[in-house]
């Protein structure tokens, strides 16, 4: 249902985008050479709502018995739906009027707060010392809101090439599907399946050359859903190492986000100001076309997703060995793609040279 409705709604989303003027025109910081509608999030949202309604109908009239064990206890689904819709609405407004960074961030925080109040919170974590559960107390809500807003923004920032964010979210959702099935949640498993389905349906129109962009309405929506699933299905009541698993799975966009923050801070620019220094821009400058650059980042994401699921599946020395291997892979990605170039400027300015390293002289 998620796939079919999303697929059918994309052409409708294009027409809506044209009517409300939500169009990405070519510019010096955009890669598209023709005007492209950017309200694809409408199709994604309607597809996900259709999937939810189909499950409700099946449960009410066809006797579906959905098993969730403990992971979704205490969640107010109506309030959760309101919070998700608010996040989608923030992105849709931004698609239409291009909001400035602060109002957009405030809207994200408010939507994340509604989601947290609905019962989607980290709650407790396991201590690294004795393995006992530790209640986060008053830190529970701030940490949950921060966690959700981080996922929303890393998805937003990685959405720079045709099909890139859509494919990465599908890969992340596939990994989360495995983890939530291990933890016995049928509802979260169906949420992952629906997330994968809407991404694949949208990818038909979004892969290079894209005829529609998901826009902030799509990236904020998908990022929030990944955050919700990872909190309820993986992070909640797990050990500290397992808490890191969703961040490992989303490693590529997370690294890109951290490097963007450092790059803009070092350049005395607002953190929310767009630039052409993201990892996908670096791959394009290295000579890869959009298709190949997206394929490289998909493969990297798939590798990190596999490592993340292994971290969540093993314990003891095996988990720490995987963690060490992950650190090596992360270091290689950072070094190879020059993600922290502003910090390691002394190395990159002298790469391939011999003798004493000298700083770059700016005219």
Protein backbone atom coordinates (compact mmCIF):
# COMPACT_ATOMS: atom_id res chain seq x y z
CA UNK A 1 0.00 0.00 0.00
CA UNK A 2 2.82 2.40 0.87
CA UNK A 3 4.54 1.71 -2.45
CA UNK A 4 1.43 1.95 -4.63
CA UNK A 5 0.07 5.14 -3.06
CA UNK A 6 3.45 6.89 -3.10
CA UNK A 7 4.03 5.90 -6.71
CA UNK A 8 0.64 7.24 -7.75
CA UNK A 9 0.97 10.41 -5.67
CA UNK A 10 4.29 11.60 -7.11
CA UNK A 11 2.74 13.08 -10.29
CA UNK A 12 0.13 14.75 -8.07
CA UNK A 13 2.92 16.18 -5.91
CA UNK A 14 4.56 17.62 -9.02
CA UNK A 15 1.37 19.45 -9.96
CA UNK A 16 0.93 20.77 -6.42
CA UNK A 17 4.53 22.02 -6.39
CA UNK A 18 4.00 23.89 -9.65
CA UNK A 19 0.75 25.44 -8.38
CA UNK A 20 2.32 26.72 -5.13
CA UNK A 21 5.62 27.72 -6.71
CA UNK A 22 7.79 25.18 -4.89
CA UNK A 23 10.37 24.84 -7.65
CA UNK A 24 14.14 24.42 -7.48
CA UNK A 25 15.63 26.65 -10.16
CA UNK A 26 19.26 26.22 -11.30
CA UNK A 27 21.73 28.29 -9.28
CA UNK A 28 25.39 28.39 -8.30
CA UNK A 29 24.81 26.03 -5.37
CA UNK A 30 22.40 23.62 -7.07
CA UNK A 31 23.29 20.80 -9.43
CA UNK A 32 20.08 20.66 -11.46
CA UNK A 33 20.22 22.41 -14.82
CA UNK A 34 16.44 22.62 -15.25
CA UNK A 35 13.64 23.70 -12.88
CA UNK A 36 12.55 20.75 -10.72
CA UNK A 37 9.50 20.57 -8.36
CA UNK A 38 10.56 20.02 -4.75
CA UNK A 39 7.42 18.85 -2.89
CA UNK A 40 7.98 15.11 -3.18
CA UNK A 41 7.49 14.86 0.57
CA UNK A 42 3.73 15.09 -0.09
CA UNK A 43 3.78 11.74 -1.89
CA UNK A 44 5.94 10.19 0.85
CA UNK A 45 3.62 11.45 3.60
CA UNK A 46 0.42 10.27 1.89
CA UNK A 47 2.00 6.88 1.17
CA UNK A 48 2.95 6.41 4.82
CA UNK A 49 -0.50 7.51 6.01
CA UNK A 50 -2.08 5.01 3.60
CA UNK A 51 0.11 2.25 5.04
CA UNK A 52 -0.94 3.16 8.60
CA UNK A 53 -4.62 3.18 7.66
CA UNK A 54 -4.30 -0.21 5.97
CA UNK A 55 -2.82 -1.69 9.16
CA UNK A 56 -5.58 -0.14 11.29
CA UNK A 57 -8.25 -1.54 8.98
CA UNK A 58 -6.61 -4.98 8.99
CA UNK A 59 -6.40 -4.93 12.78
CA UNK A 60 -9.97 -3.76 13.25
CA UNK A 61 -11.81 -5.78 10.61
CA UNK A 62 -9.55 -8.68 9.59
CA UNK A 63 -8.33 -9.87 12.97
CA UNK A 64 -4.64 -8.99 12.71
CA UNK A 65 -2.91 -9.58 16.05
CA UNK A 66 0.16 -7.32 16.18
CA UNK A 67 2.80 -8.31 18.74
CA UNK A 68 5.05 -5.60 20.15
CA UNK A 69 6.30 -6.99 23.47
CA UNK A 70 7.47 -3.99 25.52
CA UNK A 71 9.07 -1.56 23.07
CA UNK A 72 5.97 0.53 22.31
CA UNK A 73 4.35 0.51 25.73
CA UNK A 74 2.90 3.88 26.73
CA UNK A 75 2.96 5.47 23.26
CA UNK A 76 0.05 7.79 22.40
CA UNK A 77 -0.37 7.11 18.67
CA UNK A 78 -2.67 10.06 18.00
CA UNK A 79 -0.21 12.51 19.53
CA UNK A 80 2.64 10.74 17.72
CA UNK A 81 0.82 11.21 14.41
CA UNK A 82 0.34 14.90 15.21
CA UNK A 83 4.07 15.31 15.92
CA UNK A 84 5.04 13.56 12.66
CA UNK A 85 2.55 15.69 10.72
CA UNK A 86 3.95 18.86 12.32
CA UNK A 87 7.48 17.93 11.19
CA UNK A 88 6.19 17.30 7.67
CA UNK A 89 4.37 20.65 7.77
CA UNK A 90 7.55 22.49 8.80
CA UNK A 91 9.34 20.99 5.80
CA UNK A 92 6.45 21.79 3.47
CA UNK A 93 6.37 25.43 4.56
CA UNK A 94 10.12 25.61 3.96
CA UNK A 95 9.65 24.12 0.48
CA UNK A 96 7.19 26.91 -0.30
CA UNK A 97 8.72 30.02 1.28
CA UNK A 98 12.35 28.98 2.08
CA UNK A 99 12.37 29.61 5.84
CA UNK A 100 15.45 31.01 7.58
CA UNK A 101 17.48 28.66 9.78
CA UNK A 102 16.21 29.66 13.24
CA UNK A 103 12.41 29.44 12.63
CA UNK A 104 12.98 26.17 10.81
CA UNK A 105 14.98 24.75 13.72
CA UNK A 106 12.38 25.93 16.23
CA UNK A 107 9.66 24.20 14.21
CA UNK A 108 11.68 20.99 14.23
CA UNK A 109 12.20 21.20 17.99
CA UNK A 110 8.48 21.76 18.64
CA UNK A 111 7.54 18.77 16.48
CA UNK A 112 10.18 16.62 18.22
CA UNK A 113 8.83 17.70 21.62
CA UNK A 114 5.32 16.56 20.61
CA UNK A 115 6.77 13.19 19.54
CA UNK A 116 8.60 12.86 22.86
CA UNK A 117 5.48 13.80 24.85
CA UNK A 118 3.63 11.10 22.89
CA UNK A 119 5.85 8.54 24.62
CA UNK A 120 8.73 8.11 22.18
CA UNK A 121 11.62 8.70 24.59
CA UNK A 122 14.94 7.05 25.40
CA UNK A 123 13.83 6.50 29.01
CA UNK A 124 16.53 4.30 30.47
CA UNK A 125 19.95 3.06 29.39
CA UNK A 126 22.19 0.32 30.67
CA UNK A 127 25.26 1.29 32.66
CA UNK A 128 28.66 0.43 31.19
CA UNK A 129 29.92 -0.41 34.69
CA UNK A 130 27.47 -2.87 36.24
CA UNK A 131 24.86 -3.40 33.51
CA UNK A 132 22.00 -2.01 35.61
CA UNK A 133 19.33 0.18 34.04
CA UNK A 134 19.76 3.90 34.68
CA UNK A 135 16.77 6.23 34.49
CA UNK A 136 17.68 9.41 32.61
CA UNK A 137 15.30 11.47 34.77
CA UNK A 138 14.93 15.08 33.68
CA UNK A 139 17.47 14.52 30.88
CA UNK A 140 15.13 12.08 29.16
CA UNK A 141 13.14 14.61 27.14
CA UNK A 142 16.01 16.96 26.18
CA UNK A 143 18.16 14.05 25.01
CA UNK A 144 15.28 12.53 23.07
CA UNK A 145 14.47 15.83 21.34
CA UNK A 146 18.15 16.35 20.53
CA UNK A 147 18.41 12.82 19.14
CA UNK A 148 15.37 13.30 16.89
CA UNK A 149 16.46 16.73 15.65
CA UNK A 150 19.91 15.35 14.82
CA UNK A 151 18.41 12.60 12.66
CA UNK A 152 16.12 15.10 10.96
CA UNK A 153 18.99 17.38 10.03
CA UNK A 154 21.50 14.76 8.91
CA UNK A 155 18.87 13.50 6.47
CA UNK A 156 18.21 17.05 5.31
CA UNK A 157 21.89 17.84 4.73
CA UNK A 158 22.69 14.66 2.79
CA UNK A 159 19.86 15.33 0.32
CA UNK A 160 22.11 16.88 -2.32
CA UNK A 161 22.21 14.45 -5.25
CA UNK A 162 19.39 12.80 -7.17
CA UNK A 163 18.29 9.72 -5.25
CA UNK A 164 21.04 9.93 -2.62
CA UNK A 165 18.97 10.55 0.52
CA UNK A 166 16.15 8.30 -0.68
CA UNK A 167 18.51 5.37 -1.18
CA UNK A 168 20.38 5.91 2.08
CA UNK A 169 17.13 6.04 4.08
CA UNK A 170 16.02 2.77 2.42
CA UNK A 171 19.35 1.17 3.43
CA UNK A 172 19.08 2.49 6.99
CA UNK A 173 15.47 1.29 7.25
CA UNK A 174 16.48 -2.18 6.04
CA UNK A 175 19.07 -2.43 8.81
CA UNK A 176 16.60 -1.17 11.41
CA UNK A 177 14.09 -3.75 10.15
CA UNK A 178 16.51 -6.53 11.08
CA UNK A 179 17.17 -5.03 14.52
CA UNK A 180 13.52 -4.43 15.44
CA UNK A 181 12.59 -7.95 14.33
CA UNK A 182 15.26 -9.24 16.72
CA UNK A 183 13.56 -7.24 19.49
CA UNK A 184 10.08 -8.53 18.69
CA UNK A 185 8.16 -5.50 17.43
CA UNK A 186 5.74 -6.20 14.58
CA UNK A 187 4.57 -2.56 14.46
CA UNK A 188 8.10 -1.19 14.08
CA UNK A 189 8.88 -3.89 11.52
CA UNK A 190 5.89 -2.79 9.43
CA UNK A 191 6.97 0.85 9.85
CA UNK A 192 10.39 -0.09 8.44
CA UNK A 193 8.79 -1.95 5.53
CA UNK A 194 6.57 1.05 4.77
CA UNK A 195 9.59 3.37 4.94
CA UNK A 196 11.52 1.17 2.51
CA UNK A 197 8.50 0.97 0.20
CA UNK A 198 7.89 4.74 -0.04
CA UNK A 199 11.60 5.32 -0.69
CA UNK A 200 11.72 2.75 -3.50
CA UNK A 201 8.54 4.12 -5.07
CA UNK A 202 9.85 7.68 -4.91
CA UNK A 203 13.25 6.61 -6.23
CA UNK A 204 11.60 5.79 -9.56
CA UNK A 205 11.15 9.55 -10.06
CA UNK A 206 14.02 10.84 -7.93
CA UNK A 207 17.01 8.98 -9.37
CA UNK A 208 19.21 10.86 -11.84
CA UNK A 209 17.95 12.71 -13.76
CA UNK A 210 15.32 13.50 -11.13
CA UNK A 211 11.94 14.82 -12.22
CA UNK A 212 11.06 15.73 -8.60
CA UNK A 213 12.94 16.39 -5.34
CA UNK A 214 11.68 15.26 -1.94
CA UNK A 215 12.39 18.73 -0.53
CA UNK A 216 12.49 19.46 3.18
CA UNK A 217 8.96 18.09 3.51
CA UNK A 218 10.37 14.69 2.59
CA UNK A 219 13.80 14.80 4.23
CA UNK A 220 12.46 16.07 7.59
CA UNK A 221 9.69 13.46 7.54
CA UNK A 222 12.00 10.54 6.72
CA UNK A 223 14.66 11.69 9.19
CA UNK A 224 12.11 11.90 12.00
CA UNK A 225 10.75 8.43 11.25
CA UNK A 226 14.25 6.93 11.29
CA UNK A 227 14.85 8.63 14.65
CA UNK A 228 11.55 7.35 16.08
CA UNK A 229 12.19 3.78 14.96
CA UNK A 230 15.77 3.78 16.23
CA UNK A 231 14.74 5.14 19.66
CA UNK A 232 11.84 2.77 20.24
CA UNK A 233 13.34 -0.29 18.60
CA UNK A 234 17.07 -0.04 19.30
CA UNK A 235 18.13 2.68 21.75
CA UNK A 236 15.52 2.32 24.51
CA UNK A 237 16.79 0.21 27.46
CA UNK A 238 19.87 -0.91 25.56
CA UNK A 239 23.54 -0.73 26.47
CA UNK A 240 25.62 2.30 25.56
CA UNK A 241 27.28 0.53 22.62
CA UNK A 242 23.94 -0.55 21.14
CA UNK A 243 22.70 3.04 21.52
CA UNK A 244 25.37 3.97 18.98
CA UNK A 245 24.13 1.45 16.40
CA UNK A 246 21.61 3.79 14.67
CA UNK A 247 24.32 6.46 14.43
CA UNK A 248 26.70 3.89 12.90
CA UNK A 249 24.05 2.81 10.40
CA UNK A 250 23.54 6.47 9.44
CA UNK A 251 27.31 6.99 9.46
CA UNK A 252 27.72 8.65 6.04
CA UNK A 253 25.19 11.46 6.53
CA UNK A 254 26.33 11.84 10.16
CA UNK A 255 29.99 12.28 9.18
CA UNK A 256 28.96 14.68 6.43
CA UNK A 257 26.93 16.74 8.92
CA UNK A 258 29.75 16.94 11.48
CA UNK A 259 32.25 17.95 8.79
CA UNK A 260 29.83 20.61 7.49
CA UNK A 261 29.48 22.11 10.99
CA UNK A 262 33.26 22.22 11.43
CA UNK A 263 33.82 23.58 7.92
CA UNK A 264 31.31 26.41 8.32
CA UNK A 265 32.45 27.25 11.85
CA UNK A 266 36.07 27.48 10.72
CA UNK A 267 34.98 29.68 7.82
CA UNK A 268 33.02 31.96 10.19
CA UNK A 269 29.78 31.15 8.36
CA UNK A 270 26.37 30.28 9.84
CA UNK A 271 26.04 26.55 10.44
CA UNK A 272 22.76 26.51 8.51
CA UNK A 273 24.22 28.21 5.43
CA UNK A 274 24.38 25.91 2.40
CA UNK A 275 27.69 25.34 0.64
CA UNK A 276 29.32 23.05 -1.92
CA UNK A 277 31.61 21.20 0.49
CA UNK A 278 29.53 18.10 1.21
CA UNK A 279 30.90 14.64 0.54
CA UNK A 280 28.81 14.24 -2.61
CA UNK A 281 30.17 17.52 -3.97
CA UNK A 282 33.71 16.25 -3.35
CA UNK A 283 32.97 13.08 -5.31
CA UNK A 284 31.62 15.13 -8.21
CA UNK A 285 34.75 17.30 -8.21
CA UNK A 286 36.82 14.11 -8.24
CA UNK A 287 35.29 13.30 -11.63
CA UNK A 288 32.42 10.98 -10.72
CA UNK A 289 29.08 11.63 -12.33
CA UNK A 290 25.94 11.85 -10.23
CA UNK A 291 25.02 8.19 -10.75
CA UNK A 292 28.48 6.92 -9.74
CA UNK A 293 28.77 9.31 -6.79
CA UNK A 294 25.40 8.15 -5.49
CA UNK A 295 26.37 4.50 -6.02
CA UNK A 296 29.63 4.99 -4.05
CA UNK A 297 27.77 6.56 -1.13
CA UNK A 298 25.09 3.87 -1.23
CA UNK A 299 27.78 1.17 -1.00
CA UNK A 300 29.51 2.98 1.88
CA UNK A 301 26.17 3.29 3.68
CA UNK A 302 25.39 -0.39 3.09
CA UNK A 303 28.76 -1.39 4.58
CA UNK A 304 28.21 0.79 7.64
CA UNK A 305 24.66 -0.53 7.97
CA UNK A 306 25.98 -4.10 7.96
CA UNK A 307 28.57 -3.23 10.61
CA UNK A 308 25.87 -1.52 12.67
CA UNK A 309 23.64 -4.58 12.62
CA UNK A 310 26.60 -6.75 13.65
CA UNK A 311 27.23 -4.44 16.60
CA UNK A 312 23.62 -4.94 17.63
CA UNK A 313 23.80 -8.71 17.19
CA UNK A 314 26.95 -9.63 19.13
CA UNK A 315 28.28 -8.93 22.59
CA UNK A 316 31.53 -9.16 24.50
CA UNK A 317 34.92 -9.28 22.70
CA UNK A 318 33.32 -9.80 19.27
CA UNK A 319 31.36 -6.54 19.58
CA UNK A 320 34.48 -4.61 20.60
CA UNK A 321 36.45 -6.14 17.71
CA UNK A 322 33.73 -4.97 15.32
CA UNK A 323 33.79 -1.56 17.00
CA UNK A 324 37.57 -1.31 16.45
CA UNK A 325 37.19 -2.31 12.80
CA UNK A 326 34.49 0.32 12.44
CA UNK A 327 36.82 2.99 13.82
CA UNK A 328 39.43 2.07 11.20
CA UNK A 329 36.86 2.23 8.38
CA UNK A 330 35.54 5.59 9.62
CA UNK A 331 39.05 7.02 9.77
CA UNK A 332 39.71 5.86 6.20
CA UNK A 333 36.49 7.47 4.93
CA UNK A 334 37.28 10.74 6.73
CA UNK A 335 40.85 10.79 5.41
CA UNK A 336 40.09 9.67 1.85
CA UNK A 337 37.21 12.07 1.24
CA UNK A 338 38.81 14.95 3.15
CA UNK A 339 35.75 15.42 5.32
CA UNK A 340 37.65 17.34 7.97
CA UNK A 341 39.79 19.28 5.56
CA UNK A 342 39.44 22.58 7.48
CA UNK A 343 40.95 20.90 10.57
CA UNK A 344 43.65 18.98 8.68
CA UNK A 345 44.52 21.83 6.32
CA UNK A 346 48.24 21.44 7.02
CA UNK A 347 48.10 17.90 5.58
CA UNK A 348 45.96 18.54 2.52
CA UNK A 349 47.90 21.67 1.53
CA UNK A 350 51.11 19.63 1.41
CA UNK A 351 49.73 16.37 0.03
CA UNK A 352 52.12 14.90 -2.52
CA UNK A 353 54.93 17.34 -1.63
CA UNK A 354 58.29 16.67 0.04
CA UNK A 355 60.18 18.60 2.68
CA UNK A 356 58.85 20.77 5.50
CA UNK A 357 55.10 21.31 5.54
CA UNK A 358 54.13 24.88 4.91
CA UNK A 359 50.79 26.60 5.41
CA UNK A 360 48.76 27.88 2.48
CA UNK A 361 49.26 31.59 1.85
CA UNK A 362 46.07 33.47 1.12
CA UNK A 363 46.29 36.51 -1.08
